[in-house]
PDB file of all heavy atoms in Angstrom:
ATOM      1  N   LYS A   1      19.203  12.146   0.863  1.00  0.00           N
ATOM      2  CA  LYS A   1      17.878  12.374   0.306  1.00  0.00           C
ATOM      3  C   LYS A   1      17.705  13.845  -0.081  1.00  0.00           C
ATOM      4  O   LYS A   1      18.021  14.744   0.694  1.00  0.00           O
ATOM      5  CB  LYS A   1      16.814  11.952   1.319  1.00  0.00           C
ATOM      6  CG  LYS A   1      15.412  11.848   0.752  1.00  0.00           C
ATOM      7  CD  LYS A   1      14.453  11.262   1.789  1.00  0.00           C
ATOM      8  CE  LYS A   1      14.869   9.864   2.205  1.00  0.00           C
ATOM      9  NZ  LYS A   1      13.929   9.269   3.199  1.00  0.00           N
ATOM     10  N   GLY A   2      17.217  14.058  -1.281  1.00  0.00           N
ATOM     11  CA  GLY A   2      17.043  15.402  -1.792  1.00  0.00           C
ATOM     12  C   GLY A   2      18.238  15.941  -2.531  1.00  0.00           C
ATOM     13  O   GLY A   2      18.121  16.963  -3.225  1.00  0.00           O
ATOM     14  N   ARG A   3      19.389  15.305  -2.390  1.00  0.00           N
ATOM     15  CA  ARG A   3      20.607  15.738  -3.068  1.00  0.00           C
ATOM     16  C   ARG A   3      21.073  14.749  -4.125  1.00  0.00           C
ATOM     17  O   ARG A   3      21.616  15.152  -5.151  1.00  0.00           O
ATOM     18  CB  ARG A   3      21.735  15.955  -2.054  1.00  0.00           C
ATOM     19  CG  ARG A   3      21.429  17.020  -1.012  1.00  0.00           C
ATOM     20  CD  ARG A   3      22.658  17.332  -0.165  1.00  0.00           C
ATOM     21  NE  ARG A   3      23.109  16.174   0.596  1.00  0.00           N
ATOM     22  CZ  ARG A   3      24.323  15.622   0.476  1.00  0.00           C
ATOM     23  NH1 ARG A   3      25.208  16.130  -0.372  1.00  0.00           N
ATOM     24  NH2 ARG A   3      24.661  14.575   1.222  1.00  0.00           N
ATOM     25  N   PHE A   4      20.891  13.465  -3.859  1.00  0.00           N
ATOM     26  CA  PHE A   4      21.347  12.418  -4.767  1.00  0.00           C
ATOM     27  C   PHE A   4      20.148  11.783  -5.464  1.00  0.00           C
ATOM     28  O   PHE A   4      19.057  11.678  -4.893  1.00  0.00           O
ATOM     29  CB  PHE A   4      22.094  11.318  -4.014  1.00  0.00           C
ATOM     30  CG  PHE A   4      23.431  11.710  -3.452  1.00  0.00           C
ATOM     31  CD1 PHE A   4      23.867  13.025  -3.435  1.00  0.00           C
ATOM     32  CD2 PHE A   4      24.269  10.731  -2.931  1.00  0.00           C
ATOM     33  CE1 PHE A   4      25.089  13.383  -2.910  1.00  0.00           C
ATOM     34  CE2 PHE A   4      25.502  11.070  -2.409  1.00  0.00           C
ATOM     35  CZ  PHE A   4      25.914  12.389  -2.398  1.00  0.00           C
ATOM     36  N   THR A   5      20.366  11.324  -6.696  1.00  0.00           N
ATOM     37  CA  THR A   5      19.346  10.628  -7.452  1.00  0.00           C
ATOM     38  C   THR A   5      19.953   9.384  -8.084  1.00  0.00           C
ATOM     39  O   THR A   5      20.955   9.470  -8.792  1.00  0.00           O
ATOM     40  CB  THR A   5      18.742  11.508  -8.552  1.00  0.00           C
ATOM     41  OG1 THR A   5      18.195  12.700  -7.976  1.00  0.00           O
ATOM     42  CG2 THR A   5      17.637  10.758  -9.283  1.00  0.00           C
ATOM     43  N   ILE A   6      19.345   8.234  -7.820  1.00  0.00           N
ATOM     44  CA  ILE A   6      19.775   6.998  -8.449  1.00  0.00           C
ATOM     45  C   ILE A   6      18.867   6.725  -9.643  1.00  0.00           C
ATOM     46  O   ILE A   6      17.663   6.956  -9.589  1.00  0.00           O
ATOM     47  CB  ILE A   6      19.772   5.823  -7.452  1.00  0.00           C
ATOM     48  CG1 ILE A   6      20.409   4.579  -8.077  1.00  0.00           C
ATOM     49  CG2 ILE A   6      18.370   5.528  -6.936  1.00  0.00           C
ATOM     50  CD1 ILE A   6      20.651   3.454  -7.071  1.00  0.00           C
ATOM     51  N   SER A   7      19.451   6.255 -10.727  1.00  0.00           N
ATOM     52  CA  SER A   7      18.691   5.911 -11.915  1.00  0.00           C
ATOM     53  C   SER A   7      19.383   4.763 -12.623  1.00  0.00           C
ATOM     54  O   SER A   7      20.511   4.400 -12.287  1.00  0.00           O
ATOM     55  CB  SER A   7      18.540   7.121 -12.848  1.00  0.00           C
ATOM     56  OG  SER A   7      19.805   7.569 -13.310  1.00  0.00           O
ATOM     57  N   ARG A   8      18.707   4.187 -13.592  1.00  0.00           N
ATOM     58  CA  ARG A   8      19.319   3.110 -14.354  1.00  0.00           C
ATOM     59  C   ARG A   8      18.850   3.161 -15.788  1.00  0.00           C
ATOM     60  O   ARG A   8      17.744   3.626 -16.094  1.00  0.00           O
ATOM     61  CB  ARG A   8      19.023   1.742 -13.724  1.00  0.00           C
ATOM     62  CG  ARG A   8      17.565   1.311 -13.792  1.00  0.00           C
ATOM     63  CD  ARG A   8      17.316   0.101 -12.888  1.00  0.00           C
ATOM     64  NE  ARG A   8      18.065  -1.070 -13.301  1.00  0.00           N
ATOM     65  CZ  ARG A   8      18.320  -2.112 -12.510  1.00  0.00           C
ATOM     66  NH1 ARG A   8      17.890  -2.109 -11.245  1.00  0.00           N
ATOM     67  NH2 ARG A   8      19.017  -3.146 -12.977  1.00  0.00           N
ATOM     68  N   ASP A   9      19.699   2.676 -16.671  1.00  0.00           N
ATOM     69  CA  ASP A   9      19.389   2.533 -18.079  1.00  0.00           C
ATOM     70  C   ASP A   9      19.656   1.077 -18.418  1.00  0.00           C
ATOM     71  O   ASP A   9      20.794   0.678 -18.642  1.00  0.00           O
ATOM     72  CB  ASP A   9      20.244   3.470 -18.927  1.00  0.00           C
ATOM     73  CG  ASP A   9      19.850   3.468 -20.389  1.00  0.00           C
ATOM     74  OD1 ASP A   9      19.183   2.514 -20.841  1.00  0.00           O
ATOM     75  OD2 ASP A   9      20.210   4.430 -21.102  1.00  0.00           O
ATOM     76  N   ASN A  10      18.599   0.288 -18.420  1.00  0.00           N
ATOM     77  CA  ASN A  10      18.773  -1.144 -18.629  1.00  0.00           C
ATOM     78  C   ASN A  10      19.272  -1.473 -20.029  1.00  0.00           C
ATOM     79  O   ASN A  10      19.915  -2.502 -20.227  1.00  0.00           O
ATOM     80  CB  ASN A  10      17.461  -1.880 -18.339  1.00  0.00           C
ATOM     81  CG  ASN A  10      17.161  -1.956 -16.857  1.00  0.00           C
ATOM     82  OD1 ASN A  10      18.026  -1.688 -16.019  1.00  0.00           O
ATOM     83  ND2 ASN A  10      15.931  -2.319 -16.520  1.00  0.00           N
ATOM     84  N   ALA A  11      18.980  -0.617 -20.998  1.00  0.00           N
ATOM     85  CA  ALA A  11      19.483  -0.827 -22.348  1.00  0.00           C
ATOM     86  C   ALA A  11      20.996  -0.687 -22.413  1.00  0.00           C
ATOM     87  O   ALA A  11      21.638  -1.258 -23.291  1.00  0.00           O
ATOM     88  CB  ALA A  11      18.826   0.138 -23.324  1.00  0.00           C
ATOM     89  N   LYS A  12      21.575   0.072 -21.484  1.00  0.00           N
ATOM     90  CA  LYS A  12      23.019   0.268 -21.424  1.00  0.00           C
ATOM     91  C   LYS A  12      23.674  -0.517 -20.303  1.00  0.00           C
ATOM     92  O   LYS A  12      24.881  -0.389 -20.087  1.00  0.00           O
ATOM     93  CB  LYS A  12      23.345   1.748 -21.262  1.00  0.00           C
ATOM     94  CG  LYS A  12      22.920   2.615 -22.439  1.00  0.00           C
ATOM     95  CD  LYS A  12      23.337   4.058 -22.232  1.00  0.00           C
ATOM     96  CE  LYS A  12      22.983   4.907 -23.438  1.00  0.00           C
ATOM     97  NZ  LYS A  12      23.382   6.316 -23.258  1.00  0.00           N
ATOM     98  N   ASN A  13      22.906  -1.310 -19.580  1.00  0.00           N
ATOM     99  CA  ASN A  13      23.426  -2.084 -18.447  1.00  0.00           C
ATOM    100  C   ASN A  13      24.179  -1.196 -17.464  1.00  0.00           C
ATOM    101  O   ASN A  13      25.260  -1.545 -16.973  1.00  0.00           O
ATOM    102  CB  ASN A  13      24.339  -3.212 -18.935  1.00  0.00           C
ATOM    103  CG  ASN A  13      23.582  -4.452 -19.349  1.00  0.00           C
ATOM    104  OD1 ASN A  13      22.409  -4.393 -19.695  1.00  0.00           O
ATOM    105  ND2 ASN A  13      24.256  -5.596 -19.324  1.00  0.00           N
ATOM    106  N   THR A  14      23.596  -0.056 -17.153  1.00  0.00           N
ATOM    107  CA  THR A  14      24.281   0.937 -16.331  1.00  0.00           C
ATOM    108  C   THR A  14      23.342   1.520 -15.298  1.00  0.00           C
ATOM    109  O   THR A  14      22.174   1.800 -15.595  1.00  0.00           O
ATOM    110  CB  THR A  14      24.853   2.063 -17.208  1.00  0.00           C
ATOM    111  OG1 THR A  14      25.739   1.502 -18.186  1.00  0.00           O
ATOM    112  CG2 THR A  14      25.622   3.067 -16.368  1.00  0.00           C
ATOM    113  N   VAL A  15      23.859   1.698 -14.089  1.00  0.00           N
ATOM    114  CA  VAL A  15      23.164   2.418 -13.043  1.00  0.00           C
ATOM    115  C   VAL A  15      23.965   3.678 -12.736  1.00  0.00           C
ATOM    116  O   VAL A  15      25.200   3.669 -12.805  1.00  0.00           O
ATOM    117  CB  VAL A  15      22.961   1.539 -11.784  1.00  0.00           C
ATOM    118  CG1 VAL A  15      24.290   1.139 -11.164  1.00  0.00           C
ATOM    119  CG2 VAL A  15      22.076   2.256 -10.776  1.00  0.00           C
ATOM    120  N   TYR A  16      23.266   4.750 -12.409  1.00  0.00           N
ATOM    121  CA  TYR A  16      23.887   6.043 -12.182  1.00  0.00           C
ATOM    122  C   TYR A  16      23.579   6.553 -10.787  1.00  0.00           C
ATOM    123  O   TYR A  16      22.563   6.207 -10.187  1.00  0.00           O
ATOM    124  CB  TYR A  16      23.384   7.074 -13.192  1.00  0.00           C
ATOM    125  CG  TYR A  16      23.567   6.680 -14.630  1.00  0.00           C
ATOM    126  CD1 TYR A  16      22.522   6.085 -15.335  1.00  0.00           C
ATOM    127  CD2 TYR A  16      24.765   6.893 -15.284  1.00  0.00           C
ATOM    128  CE1 TYR A  16      22.682   5.721 -16.668  1.00  0.00           C
ATOM    129  CE2 TYR A  16      24.930   6.536 -16.608  1.00  0.00           C
ATOM    130  CZ  TYR A  16      23.893   5.951 -17.296  1.00  0.00           C
ATOM    131  OH  TYR A  16      24.053   5.592 -18.610  1.00  0.00           O
ATOM    132  N   LEU A  17      24.450   7.388 -10.295  1.00  0.00           N
ATOM    133  CA  LEU A  17      24.192   8.137  -9.079  1.00  0.00           C
ATOM    134  C   LEU A  17      24.528   9.595  -9.356  1.00  0.00           C
ATOM    135  O   LEU A  17      25.706   9.952  -9.458  1.00  0.00           O
ATOM    136  CB  LEU A  17      25.013   7.613  -7.902  1.00  0.00           C
ATOM    137  CG  LEU A  17      24.708   8.262  -6.556  1.00  0.00           C
ATOM    138  CD1 LEU A  17      23.305   7.894  -6.081  1.00  0.00           C
ATOM    139  CD2 LEU A  17      25.742   7.858  -5.513  1.00  0.00           C
ATOM    140  N   GLN A  18      23.502  10.408  -9.515  1.00  0.00           N
ATOM    141  CA  GLN A  18      23.684  11.842  -9.687  1.00  0.00           C
ATOM    142  C   GLN A  18      23.790  12.475  -8.313  1.00  0.00           C
ATOM    143  O   GLN A  18      22.871  12.362  -7.502  1.00  0.00           O
ATOM    144  CB  GLN A  18      22.512  12.439 -10.463  1.00  0.00           C
ATOM    145  CG  GLN A  18      22.591  13.945 -10.655  1.00  0.00           C
ATOM    146  CD  GLN A  18      23.732  14.351 -11.550  1.00  0.00           C
ATOM    147  OE1 GLN A  18      23.916  13.778 -12.620  1.00  0.00           O
ATOM    148  NE2 GLN A  18      24.506  15.339 -11.121  1.00  0.00           N
ATOM    149  N   MET A  19      24.898  13.140  -8.050  1.00  0.00           N
ATOM    150  CA  MET A  19      25.169  13.722  -6.749  1.00  0.00           C
ATOM    151  C   MET A  19      25.245  15.233  -6.904  1.00  0.00           C
ATOM    152  O   MET A  19      26.142  15.748  -7.576  1.00  0.00           O
ATOM    153  CB  MET A  19      26.465  13.175  -6.159  1.00  0.00           C
ATOM    154  CG  MET A  19      26.499  11.655  -6.074  1.00  0.00           C
ATOM    155  SD  MET A  19      28.002  11.036  -5.262  1.00  0.00           S
ATOM    156  CE  MET A  19      29.226  11.552  -6.466  1.00  0.00           C
ATOM    157  N   ASN A  20      24.315  15.929  -6.292  1.00  0.00           N
ATOM    158  CA  ASN A  20      24.269  17.383  -6.319  1.00  0.00           C
ATOM    159  C   ASN A  20      24.487  17.933  -4.917  1.00  0.00           C
ATOM    160  O   ASN A  20      24.347  17.226  -3.929  1.00  0.00           O
ATOM    161  CB  ASN A  20      22.930  17.870  -6.863  1.00  0.00           C
ATOM    162  CG  ASN A  20      22.664  17.438  -8.282  1.00  0.00           C
ATOM    163  OD1 ASN A  20      23.581  17.319  -9.090  1.00  0.00           O
ATOM    164  ND2 ASN A  20      21.396  17.215  -8.608  1.00  0.00           N
ATOM    165  N   SER A  21      24.802  19.208  -4.850  1.00  0.00           N
ATOM    166  CA  SER A  21      25.010  19.890  -3.570  1.00  0.00           C
ATOM    167  C   SER A  21      25.959  19.113  -2.677  1.00  0.00           C
ATOM    168  O   SER A  21      25.702  18.889  -1.491  1.00  0.00           O
ATOM    169  CB  SER A  21      23.667  20.120  -2.867  1.00  0.00           C
ATOM    170  OG  SER A  21      22.793  20.886  -3.669  1.00  0.00           O
ATOM    171  N   LEU A  22      27.071  18.708  -3.236  1.00  0.00           N
ATOM    172  CA  LEU A  22      28.001  17.853  -2.512  1.00  0.00           C
ATOM    173  C   LEU A  22      28.618  18.576  -1.329  1.00  0.00           C
ATOM    174  O   LEU A  22      28.879  19.780  -1.374  1.00  0.00           O
ATOM    175  CB  LEU A  22      29.088  17.350  -3.451  1.00  0.00           C
ATOM    176  CG  LEU A  22      28.645  16.210  -4.367  1.00  0.00           C
ATOM    177  CD1 LEU A  22      29.593  16.062  -5.542  1.00  0.00           C
ATOM    178  CD2 LEU A  22      28.563  14.908  -3.575  1.00  0.00           C
ATOM    179  N   LYS A  23      28.843  17.812  -0.272  1.00  0.00           N
ATOM    180  CA  LYS A  23      29.422  18.302   0.964  1.00  0.00           C
ATOM    181  C   LYS A  23      30.719  17.572   1.242  1.00  0.00           C
ATOM    182  O   LYS A  23      30.904  16.437   0.793  1.00  0.00           O
ATOM    183  CB  LYS A  23      28.448  18.076   2.129  1.00  0.00           C
ATOM    184  CG  LYS A  23      27.059  18.663   1.925  1.00  0.00           C
ATOM    185  CD  LYS A  23      26.136  18.255   3.060  1.00  0.00           C
ATOM    186  CE  LYS A  23      24.739  18.807   2.862  1.00  0.00           C
ATOM    187  NZ  LYS A  23      23.835  18.389   3.961  1.00  0.00           N
ATOM    188  N   PRO A  24      31.632  18.177   2.004  1.00  0.00           N
ATOM    189  CA  PRO A  24      32.862  17.464   2.353  1.00  0.00           C
ATOM    190  C   PRO A  24      32.613  16.111   3.002  1.00  0.00           C
ATOM    191  O   PRO A  24      33.399  15.176   2.784  1.00  0.00           O
ATOM    192  CB  PRO A  24      33.568  18.432   3.304  1.00  0.00           C
ATOM    193  CG  PRO A  24      33.107  19.775   2.858  1.00  0.00           C
ATOM    194  CD  PRO A  24      31.667  19.582   2.456  1.00  0.00           C
ATOM    195  N   GLU A  25      31.556  15.978   3.775  1.00  0.00           N
ATOM    196  CA  GLU A  25      31.250  14.711   4.417  1.00  0.00           C
ATOM    197  C   GLU A  25      30.787  13.632   3.447  1.00  0.00           C
ATOM    198  O   GLU A  25      30.628  12.475   3.837  1.00  0.00           O
ATOM    199  CB  GLU A  25      30.212  14.886   5.536  1.00  0.00           C
ATOM    200  CG  GLU A  25      28.969  15.638   5.110  1.00  0.00           C
ATOM    201  CD  GLU A  25      29.013  17.111   5.476  1.00  0.00           C
ATOM    202  OE1 GLU A  25      30.060  17.742   5.254  1.00  0.00           O
ATOM    203  OE2 GLU A  25      27.991  17.626   5.983  1.00  0.00           O
ATOM    204  N   ASP A  26      30.564  13.991   2.181  1.00  0.00           N
ATOM    205  CA  ASP A  26      30.276  13.000   1.156  1.00  0.00           C
ATOM    206  C   ASP A  26      31.534  12.312   0.636  1.00  0.00           C
ATOM    207  O   ASP A  26      31.432  11.364  -0.147  1.00  0.00           O
ATOM    208  CB  ASP A  26      29.543  13.638  -0.024  1.00  0.00           C
ATOM    209  CG  ASP A  26      28.162  14.150   0.344  1.00  0.00           C
ATOM    210  OD1 ASP A  26      27.445  13.460   1.099  1.00  0.00           O
ATOM    211  OD2 ASP A  26      27.794  15.238  -0.135  1.00  0.00           O
ATOM    212  N   THR A  27      32.699  12.793   1.032  1.00  0.00           N
ATOM    213  CA  THR A  27      33.951  12.209   0.583  1.00  0.00           C
ATOM    214  C   THR A  27      34.040  10.747   1.016  1.00  0.00           C
ATOM    215  O   THR A  27      33.912  10.427   2.196  1.00  0.00           O
ATOM    216  CB  THR A  27      35.139  12.995   1.144  1.00  0.00           C
ATOM    217  OG1 THR A  27      35.127  14.322   0.610  1.00  0.00           O
ATOM    218  CG2 THR A  27      36.455  12.328   0.784  1.00  0.00           C
ATOM    219  N   ALA A  28      34.245   9.861   0.054  1.00  0.00           N
ATOM    220  CA  ALA A  28      34.287   8.430   0.327  1.00  0.00           C
ATOM    221  C   ALA A  28      34.594   7.694  -0.968  1.00  0.00           C
ATOM    222  O   ALA A  28      34.586   8.278  -2.053  1.00  0.00           O
ATOM    223  CB  ALA A  28      32.949   7.943   0.890  1.00  0.00           C
ATOM    224  N   VAL A  29      34.859   6.410  -0.831  1.00  0.00           N
ATOM    225  CA  VAL A  29      34.880   5.515  -1.974  1.00  0.00           C
ATOM    226  C   VAL A  29      33.458   5.016  -2.187  1.00  0.00           C
ATOM    227  O   VAL A  29      32.859   4.440  -1.283  1.00  0.00           O
ATOM    228  CB  VAL A  29      35.843   4.336  -1.760  1.00  0.00           C
ATOM    229  CG1 VAL A  29      35.728   3.339  -2.910  1.00  0.00           C
ATOM    230  CG2 VAL A  29      37.278   4.833  -1.642  1.00  0.00           C
ATOM    231  N   TYR A  30      32.944   5.237  -3.371  1.00  0.00           N
ATOM    232  CA  TYR A  30      31.582   4.852  -3.703  1.00  0.00           C
ATOM    233  C   TYR A  30      31.602   3.569  -4.520  1.00  0.00           C
ATOM    234  O   TYR A  30      32.298   3.481  -5.534  1.00  0.00           O
ATOM    235  CB  TYR A  30      30.884   5.958  -4.491  1.00  0.00           C
ATOM    236  CG  TYR A  30      30.458   7.126  -3.635  1.00  0.00           C
ATOM    237  CD1 TYR A  30      31.398   8.000  -3.114  1.00  0.00           C
ATOM    238  CD2 TYR A  30      29.112   7.333  -3.332  1.00  0.00           C
ATOM    239  CE1 TYR A  30      31.014   9.058  -2.309  1.00  0.00           C
ATOM    240  CE2 TYR A  30      28.723   8.394  -2.538  1.00  0.00           C
ATOM    241  CZ  TYR A  30      29.668   9.254  -2.026  1.00  0.00           C
ATOM    242  OH  TYR A  30      29.277  10.309  -1.231  1.00  0.00           O
ATOM    243  N   SER A  31      30.830   2.586  -4.083  1.00  0.00           N
ATOM    244  CA  SER A  31      30.760   1.299  -4.747  1.00  0.00           C
ATOM    245  C   SER A  31      29.327   0.993  -5.135  1.00  0.00           C
ATOM    246  O   SER A  31      28.395   1.331  -4.412  1.00  0.00           O
ATOM    247  CB  SER A  31      31.278   0.181  -3.835  1.00  0.00           C
ATOM    248  OG  SER A  31      32.622   0.409  -3.461  1.00  0.00           O
ATOM    249  N   CYS A  32      29.159   0.352  -6.266  1.00  0.00           N
ATOM    250  CA  CYS A  32      27.842  -0.147  -6.622  1.00  0.00           C
ATOM    251  C   CYS A  32      27.764  -1.629  -6.289  1.00  0.00           C
ATOM    252  O   CYS A  32      28.779  -2.329  -6.182  1.00  0.00           O
ATOM    253  CB  CYS A  32      27.498   0.115  -8.090  1.00  0.00           C
ATOM    254  SG  CYS A  32      28.552  -0.708  -9.298  1.00  0.00           S
ATOM    255  N   ALA A  33      26.555  -2.109  -6.109  1.00  0.00           N
ATOM    256  CA  ALA A  33      26.328  -3.483  -5.704  1.00  0.00           C
ATOM    257  C   ALA A  33      25.033  -3.984  -6.315  1.00  0.00           C
ATOM    258  O   ALA A  33      24.165  -3.196  -6.709  1.00  0.00           O
ATOM    259  CB  ALA A  33      26.281  -3.595  -4.176  1.00  0.00           C
ATOM    260  N   ALA A  34      24.899  -5.305  -6.374  1.00  0.00           N
ATOM    261  CA  ALA A  34      23.745  -5.917  -7.019  1.00  0.00           C
ATOM    262  C   ALA A  34      23.280  -7.148  -6.263  1.00  0.00           C
ATOM    263  O   ALA A  34      24.084  -7.855  -5.647  1.00  0.00           O
ATOM    264  CB  ALA A  34      24.083  -6.297  -8.459  1.00  0.00           C
ATOM    265  N   HIS A  35      21.989  -7.392  -6.302  1.00  0.00           N
ATOM    266  CA  HIS A  35      21.434  -8.667  -5.878  1.00  0.00           C
ATOM    267  C   HIS A  35      20.223  -8.959  -6.744  1.00  0.00           C
ATOM    268  O   HIS A  35      19.638  -8.058  -7.348  1.00  0.00           O
ATOM    269  CB  HIS A  35      21.090  -8.693  -4.385  1.00  0.00           C
ATOM    270  CG  HIS A  35      19.917  -7.845  -3.996  1.00  0.00           C
ATOM    271  ND1 HIS A  35      18.602  -8.221  -4.241  1.00  0.00           N
ATOM    272  CD2 HIS A  35      19.856  -6.644  -3.377  1.00  0.00           C
ATOM    273  CE1 HIS A  35      17.790  -7.274  -3.775  1.00  0.00           C
ATOM    274  NE2 HIS A  35      18.532  -6.317  -3.256  1.00  0.00           N
ATOM    275  N   ASN A  36      19.841 -10.223  -6.789  1.00  0.00           N
ATOM    276  CA  ASN A  36      18.733 -10.637  -7.639  1.00  0.00           C
ATOM    277  C   ASN A  36      17.614 -11.303  -6.863  1.00  0.00           C
ATOM    278  O   ASN A  36      16.851 -12.101  -7.417  1.00  0.00           O
ATOM    279  CB  ASN A  36      19.220 -11.559  -8.759  1.00  0.00           C
ATOM    280  CG  ASN A  36      19.857 -12.837  -8.252  1.00  0.00           C
ATOM    281  OD1 ASN A  36      19.903 -13.094  -7.046  1.00  0.00           O
ATOM    282  ND2 ASN A  36      20.348 -13.649  -9.183  1.00  0.00           N
ATOM    283  N   ARG A  37      17.468 -10.959  -5.595  1.00  0.00           N
ATOM    284  CA  ARG A  37      16.453 -11.569  -4.743  1.00  0.00           C
ATOM    285  C   ARG A  37      15.242 -10.686  -4.532  1.00  0.00           C
ATOM    286  O   ARG A  37      14.406 -10.982  -3.697  1.00  0.00           O
ATOM    287  CB  ARG A  37      17.069 -11.970  -3.401  1.00  0.00           C
ATOM    288  CG  ARG A  37      18.134 -13.044  -3.553  1.00  0.00           C
ATOM    289  CD  ARG A  37      18.623 -13.531  -2.210  1.00  0.00           C
ATOM    290  NE  ARG A  37      19.281 -12.478  -1.456  1.00  0.00           N
ATOM    291  CZ  ARG A  37      20.540 -12.106  -1.634  1.00  0.00           C
ATOM    292  NH1 ARG A  37      21.283 -12.708  -2.557  1.00  0.00           N
ATOM    293  NH2 ARG A  37      21.053 -11.126  -0.898  1.00  0.00           N
ATOM    294  N   GLY A  38      15.160  -9.610  -5.288  1.00  0.00           N
ATOM    295  CA  GLY A  38      13.963  -8.803  -5.273  1.00  0.00           C
ATOM    296  C   GLY A  38      14.079  -7.555  -4.419  1.00  0.00           C
ATOM    297  O   GLY A  38      14.899  -7.460  -3.505  1.00  0.00           O
ATOM    298  N   TRP A  39      13.231  -6.608  -4.732  1.00  0.00           N
ATOM    299  CA  TRP A  39      13.176  -5.352  -3.997  1.00  0.00           C
ATOM    300  C   TRP A  39      12.808  -5.612  -2.549  1.00  0.00           C
ATOM    301  O   TRP A  39      11.912  -6.386  -2.250  1.00  0.00           O
ATOM    302  CB  TRP A  39      12.145  -4.444  -4.659  1.00  0.00           C
ATOM    303  CG  TRP A  39      12.026  -3.078  -4.061  1.00  0.00           C
ATOM    304  CD1 TRP A  39      10.960  -2.573  -3.388  1.00  0.00           C
ATOM    305  CD2 TRP A  39      13.001  -2.034  -4.110  1.00  0.00           C
ATOM    306  NE1 TRP A  39      11.204  -1.291  -3.003  1.00  0.00           N
ATOM    307  CE2 TRP A  39      12.449  -0.931  -3.435  1.00  0.00           C
ATOM    308  CE3 TRP A  39      14.280  -1.934  -4.658  1.00  0.00           C
ATOM    309  CZ2 TRP A  39      13.148   0.270  -3.295  1.00  0.00           C
ATOM    310  CZ3 TRP A  39      14.976  -0.746  -4.514  1.00  0.00           C
ATOM    311  CH2 TRP A  39      14.400   0.337  -3.837  1.00  0.00           C
ATOM    312  N   GLY A  40      13.502  -4.958  -1.655  1.00  0.00           N
ATOM    313  CA  GLY A  40      13.264  -5.141  -0.232  1.00  0.00           C
ATOM    314  C   GLY A  40      14.354  -5.914   0.474  1.00  0.00           C
ATOM    315  O   GLY A  40      14.460  -5.843   1.702  1.00  0.00           O
TER     316      GLY A  40
END
């Protein structure tokens, strides 16, 4: 929180993760995921 920003462009069918102020502990495999059962 405060370092990363998630956004989406539905016209491009793309979701983004802007990662700023990266730390060594952020090292990982990052995966995106989807569900269609609603927010929450």
